[in-house]
């Protein structure tokens, strides 16, 4: 099963390549921090399974979409997958050495409970790695997100649960930022018609259909206008010490 929405992004659609590579980079950048039994919270369609699993002794993925989980079970029978709505997490306390959760917390209403559950299932000394969009570089309201965070907001939330927090960001080279700038200009041209600022005043559910249509159309135009869009790779992204400079926030949390 493939759910090719602009929110999830596809590894097959050419116009989604910049977003797919940005999301994939989180998995590649996590590899040095992985060990032991690993849990991925919000594994989606398995974008990162083949990057994570070889680095650990056991991989478990959890996601809310049942058919996607069923497909992952068929594709990767050597690993464990489970369907659940979170939080809480359906695992025993101190079950995992590492937890990763990329581009998930912005979808969770009970975000502190979400982090508390990650803390609970980690073994003492275990690490969690989370990523989420940096609101300072968000181009418009995303109706699928409950909220987005500034670097300081997310750091305060994490420090309320975890004793050790390393706040980093996912940045990129000049090609990454050139694409982002063209994207920003393109979105601004679209948003100039929103003279009543309806994107922030209407209920999120009302915005999902127009957001999907306009986002898909915008990515297709950018693919044609930005010559290197289809050439962007996860290798064009890297960790930056200042989360303010990242397109995404990338925090390493230790129990």
Protein backbone atom coordinates (compact mmCIF):
# COMPACT_ATOMS: atom_id res chain seq x y z
CA UNK A 1 0.00 0.00 0.00
CA UNK A 2 1.28 3.45 -0.93
CA UNK A 3 -0.14 6.64 0.52
CA UNK A 4 1.31 9.29 -1.73
CA UNK A 5 0.08 12.47 -0.09
CA UNK A 6 2.20 15.60 0.02
CA UNK A 7 2.32 15.22 3.81
CA UNK A 8 3.94 11.77 3.65
CA UNK A 9 5.98 12.38 0.45
CA UNK A 10 6.88 9.69 -2.04
CA UNK A 11 10.13 8.03 -2.98
CA UNK A 12 8.63 7.37 -6.44
CA UNK A 13 7.25 10.77 -7.52
CA UNK A 14 9.96 12.98 -8.98
CA UNK A 15 8.36 16.17 -7.69
CA UNK A 16 8.55 14.81 -4.12
CA UNK A 17 12.28 14.13 -4.33
CA UNK A 18 13.50 17.17 -2.30
CA UNK A 19 11.11 16.37 0.55
CA UNK A 20 11.77 12.64 0.40
CA UNK A 21 15.53 13.18 0.58
CA UNK A 22 15.12 15.62 3.47
CA UNK A 23 13.08 13.03 5.40
CA UNK A 24 15.47 10.22 4.49
CA UNK A 25 18.44 12.21 5.77
CA UNK A 26 17.13 11.93 9.34
CA UNK A 27 17.62 8.16 9.20
CA UNK A 28 21.09 8.37 7.74
CA UNK A 29 22.16 10.96 10.31
CA UNK A 30 20.83 8.78 13.15
CA UNK A 31 23.05 5.80 12.35
CA UNK A 32 26.01 6.72 14.61
CA UNK A 33 23.70 6.97 17.63
CA UNK A 34 21.94 3.60 17.26
CA UNK A 35 22.47 0.51 19.38
CA UNK A 36 20.75 -2.56 20.76
CA UNK A 37 16.98 -2.97 20.50
CA UNK A 38 15.44 -0.14 18.52
CA UNK A 39 11.88 1.19 18.35
CA UNK A 40 10.72 3.50 15.57
CA UNK A 41 7.61 5.44 16.56
CA UNK A 42 5.71 6.44 13.43
CA UNK A 43 7.51 4.20 10.95
CA UNK A 44 5.11 5.08 8.12
CA UNK A 45 5.69 3.05 4.98
CA UNK A 46 9.15 1.99 6.11
CA UNK A 47 11.27 4.73 4.55
CA UNK A 48 14.06 4.09 7.02
CA UNK A 49 13.85 0.41 7.92
CA UNK A 50 16.75 -0.63 5.70
CA UNK A 51 18.90 2.20 7.05
CA UNK A 52 18.19 1.51 10.72
CA UNK A 53 17.83 -2.25 11.06
CA UNK A 54 21.40 -3.25 10.07
CA UNK A 55 22.77 -1.01 12.84
CA UNK A 56 20.85 -2.61 15.71
CA UNK A 57 20.21 -6.05 17.22
CA UNK A 58 16.43 -5.84 16.77
CA UNK A 59 14.07 -3.43 15.00
CA UNK A 60 10.44 -2.72 15.97
CA UNK A 61 8.23 -0.26 14.08
CA UNK A 62 4.88 1.13 15.18
CA UNK A 63 2.37 3.17 13.17
CA UNK A 64 -1.33 4.02 13.29
CA UNK A 65 -2.21 2.98 9.71
CA UNK A 66 -3.16 -0.70 9.81
CA UNK A 67 -2.83 -1.56 6.09
CA UNK A 68 0.62 0.04 5.98
CA UNK A 69 1.73 -2.02 8.97
CA UNK A 70 0.39 -5.17 7.30
CA UNK A 71 2.41 -4.41 4.17
CA UNK A 72 5.56 -3.86 6.23
CA UNK A 73 5.06 -7.20 7.95
CA UNK A 74 4.94 -8.85 4.54
CA UNK A 75 7.94 -6.93 3.18
CA UNK A 76 10.16 -7.31 6.27
CA UNK A 77 9.16 -10.53 8.05
CA UNK A 78 12.43 -10.53 9.98
CA UNK A 79 11.36 -7.41 11.91
CA UNK A 80 8.44 -6.64 14.20
CA UNK A 81 5.68 -4.16 13.30
CA UNK A 82 2.64 -3.17 15.30
CA UNK A 83 -0.40 -0.97 14.68
CA UNK A 84 -1.43 1.41 17.47
CA UNK A 85 -2.64 4.93 18.14
CA UNK A 86 -0.26 6.75 20.45
CA UNK A 87 0.35 7.82 23.15
CA UNK A 88 0.63 5.64 25.19
CA UNK A 89 3.10 3.18 23.73
CA UNK A 90 2.08 -0.50 23.94
CA UNK A 91 5.42 -1.74 25.29
CA UNK A 92 6.86 -2.61 28.68
CA UNK A 93 8.97 -0.16 30.63
CA UNK A 94 12.70 -0.22 29.79
CA UNK A 95 12.23 -2.33 26.64
CA UNK A 96 14.48 -0.51 24.15
CA UNK A 97 18.03 0.81 23.96
CA UNK A 98 17.15 3.37 21.26
CA UNK A 99 13.97 5.09 20.09
CA UNK A 100 13.67 7.16 16.93
CA UNK A 101 10.64 9.20 15.90
CA UNK A 102 10.94 11.44 12.87
CA UNK A 103 8.32 14.03 11.88
CA UNK A 104 5.78 12.66 14.35
CA UNK A 105 5.57 14.86 17.46
CA UNK A 106 3.97 17.72 15.50
CA UNK A 107 0.98 15.41 14.91
CA UNK A 108 0.52 14.50 18.60
CA UNK A 109 -1.89 16.48 20.78
CA UNK A 110 -0.44 15.14 24.04
CA UNK A 111 3.14 15.94 23.18
CA UNK A 112 4.54 15.80 26.71
CA UNK A 113 2.90 12.42 27.33
CA UNK A 114 4.37 11.30 24.01
CA UNK A 115 7.88 12.13 25.27
CA UNK A 116 7.15 10.63 28.70
CA UNK A 117 6.19 7.36 27.02
CA UNK A 118 9.39 7.35 24.99
CA UNK A 119 11.31 7.94 28.23
CA UNK A 120 9.43 5.11 29.93
CA UNK A 121 10.16 2.45 27.28
CA UNK A 122 13.85 3.38 27.09
CA UNK A 123 16.37 1.49 29.18
CA UNK A 124 18.51 3.55 31.60
CA UNK A 125 21.19 5.26 29.53
CA UNK A 126 19.16 4.76 26.35
CA UNK A 127 18.79 7.45 23.71
CA UNK A 128 15.90 8.83 21.71
CA UNK A 129 16.24 10.83 18.50
CA UNK A 130 13.34 12.98 17.36
CA UNK A 131 12.90 15.36 14.45
CA UNK A 132 10.20 17.87 13.60
CA UNK A 133 9.89 20.91 11.32
CA UNK A 134 11.51 24.13 12.50
CA UNK A 135 8.58 26.57 12.52
CA UNK A 136 10.98 29.40 11.67
CA UNK A 137 11.28 27.91 8.17
CA UNK A 138 7.66 26.83 7.73
CA UNK A 139 6.15 28.38 4.60
CA UNK A 140 2.44 28.03 5.38
CA UNK A 141 0.13 26.36 7.84
CA UNK A 142 0.14 22.59 7.57
CA UNK A 143 -3.37 21.38 8.46
CA UNK A 144 -2.07 17.94 9.42
CA UNK A 145 0.09 19.39 12.19
CA UNK A 146 -1.34 19.99 15.64
CA UNK A 147 1.48 22.44 16.28
CA UNK A 148 5.05 23.25 15.24
CA UNK A 149 7.87 24.35 17.50
CA UNK A 150 10.56 26.96 17.76
CA UNK A 151 13.90 25.48 18.83
CA UNK A 152 13.51 26.84 22.37
CA UNK A 153 9.93 25.57 22.72
CA UNK A 154 10.94 22.04 21.82
CA UNK A 155 14.01 22.16 24.02
CA UNK A 156 11.95 23.24 27.04
CA UNK A 157 9.47 20.45 26.40
CA UNK A 158 12.22 17.85 26.09
CA UNK A 159 14.06 19.05 29.21
CA UNK A 160 10.84 18.69 31.20
CA UNK A 161 11.09 14.92 30.55
CA UNK A 162 14.72 14.03 29.75
CA UNK A 163 17.77 14.93 31.89
CA UNK A 164 20.06 15.22 28.86
CA UNK A 165 19.07 17.04 25.65
CA UNK A 166 21.32 17.75 22.68
CA UNK A 167 19.58 20.28 20.44
CA UNK A 168 20.69 20.07 16.81
CA UNK A 169 19.19 20.82 13.42
CA UNK A 170 19.10 19.32 9.94
CA UNK A 171 20.53 21.86 7.52
CA UNK A 172 21.79 21.55 3.98
CA UNK A 173 24.19 22.80 1.35
CA UNK A 174 23.59 25.63 -1.11
CA UNK A 175 21.41 23.42 -3.34
CA UNK A 176 19.08 22.64 -0.43
CA UNK A 177 18.67 26.28 0.53
CA UNK A 178 18.28 27.39 -3.09
CA UNK A 179 15.37 24.99 -3.49
CA UNK A 180 13.88 26.16 -0.18
CA UNK A 181 14.11 29.80 -1.29
CA UNK A 182 12.36 29.05 -4.58
CA UNK A 183 9.73 27.16 -2.66
CA UNK A 184 9.26 30.11 -0.31
CA UNK A 185 8.75 32.52 -3.19
CA UNK A 186 6.31 30.17 -4.88
CA UNK A 187 4.25 29.69 -1.71
CA UNK A 188 4.17 33.46 -1.17
CA UNK A 189 2.71 33.91 -4.64
CA UNK A 190 -0.04 31.48 -3.73
CA UNK A 191 -0.66 32.96 -0.29
CA UNK A 192 -1.10 36.50 -1.63
CA UNK A 193 -4.65 35.48 -2.49
CA UNK A 194 -5.38 34.64 1.15
CA UNK A 195 -6.15 38.27 1.98
CA UNK A 196 -8.23 37.32 5.04
CA UNK A 197 -5.54 34.98 6.44
CA UNK A 198 -7.96 32.07 6.30
CA UNK A 199 -5.20 29.48 6.54
CA UNK A 200 -4.90 30.36 10.24
CA UNK A 201 -8.58 31.08 10.90
CA UNK A 202 -10.36 28.10 9.38
CA UNK A 203 -10.54 24.63 11.01
CA UNK A 204 -7.68 22.39 9.93
CA UNK A 205 -9.99 19.79 8.38
CA UNK A 206 -11.37 22.40 5.97
CA UNK A 207 -7.88 23.10 4.68
CA UNK A 208 -6.62 19.59 3.94
CA UNK A 209 -8.07 19.24 0.44
CA UNK A 210 -6.96 22.66 -0.87
CA UNK A 211 -3.59 22.23 0.86
CA UNK A 212 -3.05 18.88 -0.86
CA UNK A 213 -4.02 20.25 -4.28
CA UNK A 214 -1.95 23.44 -4.05
CA UNK A 215 1.04 21.68 -2.51
CA UNK A 216 1.10 19.00 -5.20
CA UNK A 217 0.79 21.62 -7.94
CA UNK A 218 3.52 23.74 -6.37
CA UNK A 219 5.96 20.82 -6.16
CA UNK A 220 5.34 19.94 -9.80
CA UNK A 221 6.10 23.51 -10.87
CA UNK A 222 9.25 23.62 -8.75
CA UNK A 223 10.46 20.38 -10.31
CA UNK A 224 10.38 22.06 -13.72
CA UNK A 225 11.72 25.43 -12.57
CA UNK A 226 14.55 24.34 -10.22
CA UNK A 227 17.01 22.38 -12.32
CA UNK A 228 18.65 20.49 -9.45
CA UNK A 229 15.43 19.49 -7.64
CA UNK A 230 15.49 15.96 -9.00
CA UNK A 231 19.21 15.64 -8.22
CA UNK A 232 18.97 16.46 -4.51
CA UNK A 233 20.17 13.62 -2.31
CA UNK A 234 20.15 12.84 1.40
CA UNK A 235 23.88 13.58 1.17
CA UNK A 236 23.05 17.26 0.59
CA UNK A 237 21.70 17.45 4.16
CA UNK A 238 23.76 17.51 7.34
CA UNK A 239 23.54 18.16 11.07
CA UNK A 240 24.07 21.71 12.31
CA UNK A 241 24.93 22.60 15.90
CA UNK A 242 22.45 25.47 16.03
CA UNK A 243 18.87 24.21 15.64
CA UNK A 244 17.86 27.72 14.50
CA UNK A 245 19.81 27.06 11.30
CA UNK A 246 18.03 23.79 10.54
CA UNK A 247 15.05 23.20 8.31
CA UNK A 248 14.17 20.53 10.85
CA UNK A 249 14.89 20.30 14.57
CA UNK A 250 16.88 17.19 15.45
CA UNK A 251 17.15 16.46 19.16
CA UNK A 252 19.02 13.64 20.85
CA UNK A 253 17.54 12.77 24.24
CA UNK A 254 19.20 10.55 26.85
CA UNK A 255 17.55 8.81 29.80
